[in-house]
Amino acid sequence: MKLDKKELMKELNSEFTEEFLNMLTDEERRVLLDVLASESRIGRNYHRVLSRQEKSAISTDAYGFLMGLVHIGSLTSRDMESVLSSCVSIAEEWKIVINKERMDRIVTIYLFTGIINISSDGYLEMVNGGGENNKN
């Protein structure tokens, strides 16, 4: 099945130039369309049920804060999954519950540094509040 460039441009809301699309193979165009379509479908209508492990690691207000960021478009659903994974690991390692304040720090670190190495003591200290060993 050949994917028409004009059809793709229409689907993509003209975010990509025709020159760019001309450089892609039909398969690359299909992949691009699939990725963008899945993001736009998930995006602001993303809803997720926490696992038992996630529920014990993340407070309700922290999860609400995270979902709010997804709904306003500050985080993608993929970002949210990365943050949730980090939260569970941090909570288990430090024997804490991730509250809204810690969630805000985790998201800030994730967005501005790209650090997701949850085994790093420095990262855990940043999340916990500037190196203080505060396990509240």
N, C-alpha and C. Protein backbone atom coordinates (compact mmCIF):
# COMPACT_ATOMS: atom_id res chain seq x y z
N MET A 1 0.84 -1.18 0.00
CA MET A 1 0.00 0.00 0.00
C MET A 1 0.88 1.25 0.00
N LYS A 2 0.70 2.07 -0.99
CA LYS A 2 1.49 3.30 -1.10
C LYS A 2 0.81 4.40 -0.30
N LEU A 3 1.62 5.11 0.49
CA LEU A 3 1.09 6.19 1.31
C LEU A 3 1.31 7.51 0.57
N ASP A 4 0.24 8.15 0.22
CA ASP A 4 0.28 9.39 -0.53
C ASP A 4 0.80 10.53 0.35
N LYS A 5 1.75 11.32 -0.20
CA LYS A 5 2.34 12.43 0.57
C LYS A 5 1.29 13.48 0.92
N LYS A 6 0.38 13.76 0.01
CA LYS A 6 -0.64 14.77 0.28
C LYS A 6 -1.56 14.32 1.42
N GLU A 7 -1.90 13.05 1.41
CA GLU A 7 -2.71 12.49 2.48
C GLU A 7 -1.97 12.57 3.82
N LEU A 8 -0.68 12.25 3.78
CA LEU A 8 0.13 12.32 4.98
C LEU A 8 0.23 13.75 5.49
N MET A 9 0.47 14.70 4.61
CA MET A 9 0.55 16.12 5.00
C MET A 9 -0.75 16.56 5.66
N LYS A 10 -1.87 16.14 5.10
CA LYS A 10 -3.17 16.49 5.68
C LYS A 10 -3.31 15.90 7.08
N GLU A 11 -2.93 14.64 7.25
CA GLU A 11 -2.99 13.98 8.55
C GLU A 11 -2.06 14.63 9.56
N LEU A 12 -0.91 15.07 9.11
CA LEU A 12 0.08 15.65 10.00
C LEU A 12 -0.14 17.13 10.25
N ASN A 13 -1.20 17.67 9.72
CA ASN A 13 -1.51 19.08 9.93
C ASN A 13 -0.42 19.99 9.38
N SER A 14 0.22 19.56 8.32
CA SER A 14 1.26 20.33 7.62
C SER A 14 2.42 20.73 8.53
N GLU A 15 2.76 19.89 9.50
CA GLU A 15 3.88 20.19 10.38
C GLU A 15 5.22 19.92 9.72
N PHE A 16 5.23 19.09 8.69
CA PHE A 16 6.45 18.75 8.00
C PHE A 16 6.37 19.30 6.58
N THR A 17 7.52 19.72 6.07
CA THR A 17 7.53 20.25 4.71
C THR A 17 7.45 19.10 3.72
N GLU A 18 7.01 19.42 2.55
CA GLU A 18 6.92 18.43 1.49
C GLU A 18 8.31 17.92 1.12
N GLU A 19 9.30 18.82 1.20
CA GLU A 19 10.68 18.41 0.90
C GLU A 19 11.14 17.31 1.86
N PHE A 20 10.82 17.47 3.13
CA PHE A 20 11.19 16.47 4.12
C PHE A 20 10.50 15.15 3.80
N LEU A 21 9.22 15.19 3.52
CA LEU A 21 8.47 13.97 3.23
C LEU A 21 8.96 13.30 1.96
N ASN A 22 9.43 14.08 0.98
CA ASN A 22 9.97 13.51 -0.26
C ASN A 22 11.24 12.70 -0.01
N MET A 23 11.97 13.04 1.05
CA MET A 23 13.21 12.33 1.37
C MET A 23 12.94 10.97 2.01
N LEU A 24 11.73 10.76 2.53
CA LEU A 24 11.40 9.53 3.23
C LEU A 24 10.90 8.45 2.29
N THR A 25 11.16 7.22 2.65
CA THR A 25 10.58 6.10 1.92
C THR A 25 9.13 5.94 2.36
N ASP A 26 8.37 5.14 1.61
CA ASP A 26 6.98 4.90 1.99
C ASP A 26 6.90 4.28 3.39
N GLU A 27 7.82 3.37 3.68
CA GLU A 27 7.83 2.73 5.00
C GLU A 27 8.12 3.74 6.11
N GLU A 28 9.06 4.64 5.87
CA GLU A 28 9.38 5.68 6.87
C GLU A 28 8.19 6.62 7.07
N ARG A 29 7.47 6.92 6.01
CA ARG A 29 6.27 7.76 6.14
C ARG A 29 5.21 7.07 6.97
N ARG A 30 5.04 5.78 6.74
CA ARG A 30 4.06 5.00 7.52
C ARG A 30 4.42 5.00 9.00
N VAL A 31 5.69 4.80 9.30
CA VAL A 31 6.14 4.80 10.69
C VAL A 31 5.92 6.18 11.32
N LEU A 32 6.28 7.22 10.60
CA LEU A 32 6.08 8.59 11.09
C LEU A 32 4.61 8.85 11.38
N LEU A 33 3.76 8.47 10.48
CA LEU A 33 2.32 8.68 10.67
C LEU A 33 1.81 7.88 11.87
N ASP A 34 2.26 6.64 12.00
CA ASP A 34 1.84 5.82 13.15
C ASP A 34 2.26 6.43 14.47
N VAL A 35 3.50 6.89 14.55
CA VAL A 35 4.00 7.48 15.79
C VAL A 35 3.22 8.74 16.13
N LEU A 36 3.05 9.61 15.17
CA LEU A 36 2.35 10.87 15.43
C LEU A 36 0.87 10.65 15.72
N ALA A 37 0.27 9.71 15.04
CA ALA A 37 -1.15 9.43 15.28
C ALA A 37 -1.35 8.85 16.67
N SER A 38 -0.45 7.97 17.11
CA SER A 38 -0.61 7.39 18.44
C SER A 38 -0.40 8.43 19.51
N GLU A 39 0.55 9.35 19.33
CA GLU A 39 0.77 10.42 20.31
C GLU A 39 -0.45 11.33 20.38
N SER A 40 -1.02 11.70 19.23
CA SER A 40 -2.15 12.62 19.27
C SER A 40 -3.39 11.95 19.85
N ARG A 41 -3.54 10.65 19.62
CA ARG A 41 -4.69 9.94 20.19
C ARG A 41 -4.55 9.79 21.69
N ILE A 42 -3.35 9.50 22.14
CA ILE A 42 -3.12 9.27 23.57
C ILE A 42 -3.10 10.61 24.28
N GLY A 43 -2.18 11.47 23.88
CA GLY A 43 -1.98 12.81 24.39
C GLY A 43 -2.82 13.24 25.57
N ARG A 44 -3.74 14.11 25.33
CA ARG A 44 -4.51 14.72 26.40
C ARG A 44 -5.63 13.83 26.93
N ASN A 45 -5.95 12.78 26.23
CA ASN A 45 -6.99 11.87 26.68
C ASN A 45 -6.41 10.63 27.34
N TYR A 46 -5.17 10.72 27.74
CA TYR A 46 -4.47 9.58 28.31
C TYR A 46 -4.99 9.31 29.73
N HIS A 47 -5.42 8.11 29.94
CA HIS A 47 -5.88 7.69 31.27
C HIS A 47 -5.18 6.38 31.59
N ARG A 48 -4.80 6.24 32.83
CA ARG A 48 -4.02 5.06 33.21
C ARG A 48 -4.36 4.67 34.64
N VAL A 49 -4.45 3.39 34.86
CA VAL A 49 -4.69 2.87 36.20
C VAL A 49 -3.35 2.42 36.76
N LEU A 50 -3.05 2.85 37.96
CA LEU A 50 -1.79 2.48 38.59
C LEU A 50 -1.82 1.02 39.05
N SER A 51 -0.67 0.37 38.96
CA SER A 51 -0.55 -0.98 39.49
C SER A 51 -0.51 -0.90 41.02
N ARG A 52 -0.62 -2.03 41.66
CA ARG A 52 -0.57 -2.08 43.12
C ARG A 52 0.76 -1.50 43.62
N GLN A 53 1.83 -1.86 42.96
CA GLN A 53 3.16 -1.38 43.33
C GLN A 53 3.25 0.14 43.17
N GLU A 54 2.71 0.67 42.08
CA GLU A 54 2.72 2.11 41.85
C GLU A 54 1.86 2.85 42.87
N LYS A 55 0.71 2.27 43.21
CA LYS A 55 -0.18 2.89 44.20
C LYS A 55 0.50 3.01 45.56
N SER A 56 1.31 2.02 45.91
CA SER A 56 1.97 2.09 47.22
C SER A 56 3.17 3.04 47.19
N ALA A 57 3.67 3.37 46.00
CA ALA A 57 4.84 4.23 45.88
C ALA A 57 4.50 5.71 45.67
N ILE A 58 3.29 6.00 45.15
CA ILE A 58 2.95 7.36 44.72
C ILE A 58 1.67 7.81 45.40
N SER A 59 1.71 9.00 46.01
CA SER A 59 0.51 9.52 46.67
C SER A 59 -0.51 9.95 45.62
N THR A 60 -1.75 10.07 46.06
CA THR A 60 -2.84 10.47 45.15
C THR A 60 -2.60 11.85 44.58
N ASP A 61 -2.16 12.80 45.43
CA ASP A 61 -1.94 14.16 44.93
C ASP A 61 -0.76 14.21 43.95
N ALA A 62 0.25 13.37 44.16
CA ALA A 62 1.39 13.32 43.23
C ALA A 62 0.95 12.77 41.88
N TYR A 63 0.10 11.74 41.90
CA TYR A 63 -0.39 11.15 40.66
C TYR A 63 -1.30 12.15 39.93
N GLY A 64 -2.12 12.86 40.66
CA GLY A 64 -2.98 13.88 40.06
C GLY A 64 -2.16 14.98 39.41
N PHE A 65 -1.10 15.39 40.08
CA PHE A 65 -0.19 16.39 39.55
C PHE A 65 0.41 15.90 38.23
N LEU A 66 0.87 14.66 38.22
CA LEU A 66 1.48 14.07 37.02
C LEU A 66 0.46 13.99 35.88
N MET A 67 -0.74 13.53 36.17
CA MET A 67 -1.78 13.46 35.14
C MET A 67 -2.12 14.85 34.60
N GLY A 68 -2.12 15.84 35.47
CA GLY A 68 -2.38 17.21 35.03
C GLY A 68 -1.35 17.68 34.01
N LEU A 69 -0.09 17.32 34.25
CA LEU A 69 0.97 17.70 33.31
C LEU A 69 0.79 17.03 31.96
N VAL A 70 0.29 15.80 31.97
CA VAL A 70 0.01 15.11 30.71
C VAL A 70 -1.16 15.78 30.00
N HIS A 71 -2.19 16.12 30.74
CA HIS A 71 -3.37 16.71 30.12
C HIS A 71 -3.13 18.09 29.55
N ILE A 72 -2.20 18.85 30.12
CA ILE A 72 -1.91 20.17 29.54
C ILE A 72 -0.82 20.12 28.48
N GLY A 73 -0.26 18.92 28.27
CA GLY A 73 0.72 18.74 27.22
C GLY A 73 2.17 18.98 27.63
N SER A 74 2.44 19.16 28.91
CA SER A 74 3.82 19.35 29.36
C SER A 74 4.61 18.04 29.31
N LEU A 75 3.91 16.92 29.47
CA LEU A 75 4.52 15.60 29.39
C LEU A 75 3.74 14.77 28.39
N THR A 76 4.45 13.90 27.68
CA THR A 76 3.77 12.93 26.83
C THR A 76 3.45 11.70 27.67
N SER A 77 2.68 10.81 27.12
CA SER A 77 2.38 9.56 27.83
C SER A 77 3.66 8.75 28.05
N ARG A 78 4.59 8.84 27.11
CA ARG A 78 5.88 8.14 27.27
C ARG A 78 6.67 8.74 28.42
N ASP A 79 6.67 10.08 28.51
CA ASP A 79 7.35 10.73 29.63
C ASP A 79 6.74 10.27 30.95
N MET A 80 5.43 10.19 30.98
CA MET A 80 4.75 9.79 32.19
C MET A 80 5.17 8.38 32.62
N GLU A 81 5.27 7.48 31.67
CA GLU A 81 5.68 6.12 31.99
C GLU A 81 7.11 6.09 32.56
N SER A 82 7.99 6.89 31.99
CA SER A 82 9.36 6.97 32.50
C SER A 82 9.39 7.52 33.92
N VAL A 83 8.62 8.56 34.16
CA VAL A 83 8.56 9.17 35.49
C VAL A 83 7.97 8.18 36.50
N LEU A 84 6.90 7.49 36.13
CA LEU A 84 6.30 6.50 37.04
C LEU A 84 7.29 5.40 37.39
N SER A 85 8.03 4.94 36.41
CA SER A 85 9.02 3.91 36.64
C SER A 85 10.09 4.40 37.62
N SER A 86 10.55 5.62 37.42
CA SER A 86 11.53 6.20 38.33
C SER A 86 10.97 6.34 39.74
N CYS A 87 9.73 6.77 39.84
CA CYS A 87 9.09 6.95 41.14
C CYS A 87 9.04 5.64 41.92
N VAL A 88 8.67 4.58 41.26
CA VAL A 88 8.58 3.27 41.93
C VAL A 88 9.96 2.85 42.43
N SER A 89 10.96 3.01 41.59
CA SER A 89 12.32 2.63 41.99
C SER A 89 12.83 3.47 43.16
N ILE A 90 12.58 4.77 43.09
CA ILE A 90 13.01 5.67 44.17
C ILE A 90 12.29 5.32 45.47
N ALA A 91 10.99 5.13 45.38
CA ALA A 91 10.19 4.81 46.57
C ALA A 91 10.65 3.51 47.21
N GLU A 92 10.95 2.51 46.39
CA GLU A 92 11.41 1.23 46.93
C GLU A 92 12.79 1.36 47.56
N GLU A 93 13.70 2.08 46.88
CA GLU A 93 15.07 2.19 47.39
C GLU A 93 15.13 3.01 48.67
N TRP A 94 14.33 4.08 48.75
CA TRP A 94 14.39 4.96 49.92
C TRP A 94 13.30 4.66 50.94
N LYS A 95 12.43 3.71 50.63
CA LYS A 95 11.32 3.34 51.54
C LYS A 95 10.47 4.58 51.88
N ILE A 96 10.07 5.28 50.83
CA ILE A 96 9.26 6.49 50.97
C ILE A 96 8.06 6.40 50.03
N VAL A 97 7.13 7.32 50.21
CA VAL A 97 6.04 7.51 49.26
C VAL A 97 6.33 8.82 48.53
N ILE A 98 6.21 8.78 47.22
CA ILE A 98 6.44 9.99 46.42
C ILE A 98 5.23 10.90 46.56
N ASN A 99 5.44 12.04 47.23
CA ASN A 99 4.36 13.02 47.39
C ASN A 99 4.44 14.03 46.24
N LYS A 100 3.57 15.01 46.25
CA LYS A 100 3.51 15.98 45.16
C LYS A 100 4.81 16.76 45.02
N GLU A 101 5.40 17.15 46.14
CA GLU A 101 6.65 17.92 46.11
C GLU A 101 7.77 17.10 45.47
N ARG A 102 7.89 15.85 45.86
CA ARG A 102 8.92 14.99 45.26
C ARG A 102 8.62 14.73 43.79
N MET A 103 7.34 14.55 43.47
CA MET A 103 6.96 14.34 42.07
C MET A 103 7.37 15.54 41.22
N ASP A 104 7.16 16.74 41.75
CA ASP A 104 7.55 17.95 41.04
C ASP A 104 9.05 17.94 40.78
N ARG A 105 9.85 17.54 41.77
CA ARG A 105 11.30 17.47 41.60
C ARG A 105 11.69 16.42 40.57
N ILE A 106 11.05 15.26 40.62
CA ILE A 106 11.36 14.19 39.67
C ILE A 106 11.07 14.65 38.25
N VAL A 107 9.91 15.26 38.05
CA VAL A 107 9.54 15.73 36.71
C VAL A 107 10.51 16.82 36.24
N THR A 108 10.87 17.73 37.13
CA THR A 108 11.81 18.79 36.77
C THR A 108 13.15 18.21 36.36
N ILE A 109 13.66 17.27 37.15
CA ILE A 109 14.93 16.63 36.82
C ILE A 109 14.82 15.90 35.49
N TYR A 110 13.72 15.18 35.30
CA TYR A 110 13.50 14.44 34.05
C TYR A 110 13.49 15.38 32.85
N LEU A 111 12.72 16.46 32.94
CA LEU A 111 12.57 17.35 31.79
C LEU A 111 13.82 18.17 31.49
N PHE A 112 14.51 18.62 32.53
CA PHE A 112 15.62 19.54 32.30
C PHE A 112 16.99 18.89 32.26
N THR A 113 17.12 17.67 32.73
CA THR A 113 18.42 17.02 32.68
C THR A 113 18.39 15.75 31.85
N GLY A 114 17.24 15.13 31.76
CA GLY A 114 17.14 13.86 31.04
C GLY A 114 17.66 12.69 31.85
N ILE A 115 18.02 12.94 33.10
CA ILE A 115 18.56 11.87 33.95
C ILE A 115 17.43 10.95 34.36
N ILE A 116 17.58 9.69 34.06
CA ILE A 116 16.63 8.68 34.52
C ILE A 116 17.38 7.52 35.15
N ASN A 117 18.61 7.76 35.53
CA ASN A 117 19.41 6.73 36.18
C ASN A 117 19.04 6.68 37.66
N ILE A 118 18.01 5.92 37.98
CA ILE A 118 17.47 5.93 39.32
C ILE A 118 18.36 5.30 40.36
N SER A 119 19.41 4.62 39.95
CA SER A 119 20.31 4.04 40.93
C SER A 119 21.35 5.06 41.40
N SER A 120 21.40 6.20 40.75
CA SER A 120 22.36 7.23 41.11
C SER A 120 21.98 7.89 42.43
N ASP A 121 22.91 7.85 43.39
CA ASP A 121 22.65 8.49 44.68
C ASP A 121 22.44 9.99 44.52
N GLY A 122 23.18 10.61 43.61
CA GLY A 122 23.02 12.05 43.37
C GLY A 122 21.61 12.38 42.89
N TYR A 123 21.09 11.55 42.01
CA TYR A 123 19.73 11.77 41.51
C TYR A 123 18.72 11.60 42.64
N LEU A 124 18.89 10.56 43.43
CA LEU A 124 17.98 10.33 44.54
C LEU A 124 18.04 11.47 45.55
N GLU A 125 19.24 12.00 45.78
CA GLU A 125 19.37 13.12 46.70
C GLU A 125 18.68 14.36 46.15
N MET A 126 18.81 14.61 44.84
CA MET A 126 18.12 15.75 44.23
C MET A 126 16.61 15.62 44.42
N VAL A 127 16.10 14.43 44.22
CA VAL A 127 14.66 14.19 44.35
C VAL A 127 14.22 14.37 45.79
N ASN A 128 15.05 13.92 46.72
CA ASN A 128 14.69 13.97 48.13
C ASN A 128 14.86 15.37 48.73
N GLY A 129 15.47 16.28 48.02
CA GLY A 129 15.53 17.64 48.51
C GLY A 129 16.92 18.13 48.82
N GLY A 130 17.70 18.28 47.82
CA GLY A 130 19.00 18.89 47.97
C GLY A 130 19.99 18.14 48.83
N GLY A 131 19.89 16.83 48.86
CA GLY A 131 20.87 16.05 49.58
C GLY A 131 20.50 15.75 51.01
N GLU A 132 19.41 16.30 51.49
CA GLU A 132 19.00 16.00 52.85
C GLU A 132 18.49 14.58 52.90
N ASN A 133 18.78 13.89 53.94
CA ASN A 133 18.28 12.53 54.08
C ASN A 133 16.94 12.57 54.79
N ASN A 134 15.97 13.16 54.12
CA ASN A 134 14.64 13.37 54.68
C ASN A 134 13.71 12.32 54.11
N LYS A 135 13.38 11.33 54.88
CA LYS A 135 12.55 10.23 54.37
C LYS A 135 11.11 10.34 54.85
N ASN A 136 10.55 11.53 54.83
CA ASN A 136 9.16 11.74 55.26
C ASN A 136 8.21 11.44 54.13
